Protein backbone atom coordinates (compact mmCIF):
# COMPACT_ATOMS: atom_id res chain seq x y z
CA MET A 1 0.00 0.00 0.00
CA MET A 2 1.32 3.44 -0.93
CA LYS A 3 2.21 5.79 1.87
CA ARG A 4 0.40 9.10 1.93
CA LEU A 5 2.09 12.05 3.51
CA PRO A 6 0.13 14.76 5.27
CA LEU A 7 -0.55 17.63 2.87
CA THR A 8 1.49 20.14 4.85
CA LEU A 9 4.52 17.84 4.97
CA VAL A 10 4.46 17.16 1.24
CA LEU A 11 4.00 20.79 0.35
CA PHE A 12 6.76 22.01 2.66
CA SER A 13 9.39 21.79 -0.05
CA LEU A 14 7.26 21.62 -3.18
CA VAL A 15 6.67 24.10 -5.93
CA VAL A 16 3.02 24.37 -6.86
CA SER A 17 1.73 25.92 -10.06
CA TYR A 18 -1.50 25.75 -11.98
CA ALA A 19 -2.78 26.71 -15.38
CA GLY A 20 -5.56 29.26 -14.99
CA ALA A 21 -7.71 31.02 -17.55
CA ALA A 22 -5.12 33.80 -17.92
CA GLY A 23 -2.10 31.47 -18.10
CA PHE A 24 0.11 30.18 -15.33
CA ALA A 25 0.11 31.28 -11.72
CA SER A 26 1.48 30.15 -8.37
CA MET A 27 -0.51 28.61 -5.56
CA ASN A 28 0.78 28.14 -2.03
CA ALA A 29 0.06 25.16 0.20
CA GLU A 30 -2.74 26.92 2.06
CA GLU A 31 -4.52 27.86 -1.19
CA LEU A 32 -4.23 24.30 -2.48
CA LYS A 33 -5.59 22.89 0.78
CA LYS A 34 -8.55 25.31 0.64
CA ALA A 35 -9.29 24.32 -2.96
CA MET A 36 -9.13 20.63 -2.05
CA ASP A 37 -11.30 21.12 1.06
CA ALA A 38 -13.85 23.06 -1.01
CA LYS A 39 -13.88 20.14 -3.46
CA LYS A 40 -13.15 22.44 -6.38
CA GLN A 41 -12.71 20.81 -9.77
CA LEU A 42 -9.02 20.11 -9.52
CA THR A 43 -6.42 17.71 -10.88
CA VAL A 44 -3.23 17.42 -8.83
CA VAL A 45 -0.16 16.23 -10.74
CA ASP A 46 2.90 15.02 -8.86
CA ALA A 47 5.80 15.68 -11.27
CA ARG A 48 8.40 13.83 -9.21
CA THR A 49 9.97 10.48 -10.05
CA GLU A 50 7.96 7.30 -9.60
CA LYS A 51 10.20 6.37 -6.65
CA GLU A 52 9.53 9.71 -4.89
CA PHE A 53 5.80 9.36 -5.60
CA GLY A 54 5.86 5.86 -4.10
CA GLU A 55 7.46 7.23 -0.93
CA GLY A 56 4.46 9.52 -0.35
CA HIS A 57 2.22 11.94 -2.18
CA ILE A 58 -0.82 14.19 -1.88
CA PRO A 59 -4.01 12.09 -1.77
CA THR A 60 -5.73 11.95 -5.21
CA ALA A 61 -2.54 13.11 -7.01
CA ILE A 62 -1.58 11.41 -10.24
CA ASN A 63 2.09 10.81 -11.01
CA ILE A 64 3.56 12.11 -14.26
CA PRO A 65 7.33 11.88 -13.81
CA PRO A 66 9.62 14.35 -15.61
CA GLU A 67 10.46 11.94 -18.43
CA LYS A 68 6.74 11.54 -19.25
CA LEU A 69 5.65 15.20 -19.07
CA GLY A 70 5.81 15.50 -22.87
CA ALA A 71 3.07 12.89 -23.19
CA SER A 72 1.01 14.33 -20.33
CA SER A 73 -1.78 15.61 -22.59
CA THR A 74 -3.14 12.07 -22.81
CA LEU A 75 -3.13 11.76 -19.01
CA LEU A 76 -4.72 15.11 -18.14
CA PRO A 77 -8.45 15.88 -18.18
CA LYS A 78 -9.85 17.24 -21.44
CA ASP A 79 -12.23 19.57 -19.54
CA LYS A 80 -10.50 22.95 -19.27
CA LYS A 81 -12.87 24.29 -16.58
CA GLY A 82 -10.96 22.86 -13.64
CA LEU A 83 -7.55 23.69 -12.27
CA ILE A 84 -4.55 21.54 -13.04
CA VAL A 85 -2.01 21.82 -10.23
CA PHE A 86 1.56 20.57 -10.71
CA TYR A 87 3.99 20.05 -7.88
CA CYS A 88 7.52 18.72 -7.62
CA ARG A 89 10.31 18.59 -5.06
CA GLY A 90 11.91 21.73 -6.49
CA THR A 91 15.57 22.33 -7.08
CA GLY A 92 16.70 23.36 -3.61
């Protein structure tokens, strides 16, 4: 069974971005938690390696590792009304 890390722990060192109607924007951990709690139409993409994803991830997140991001259009929802939130471990 996959481990699931508490949202605040996972987001501590993650970079979160989403594609909005006007382009790309940033979203902090608190904003993401509020969106998830409000059950907004939202797809969370964990852009870390499969190994990192297996060690723990945000509940409901799908894993699209860096080497598969180019083919992500087939894995993402076709409905453009919801938010698509990407997070990774960052570079620091």
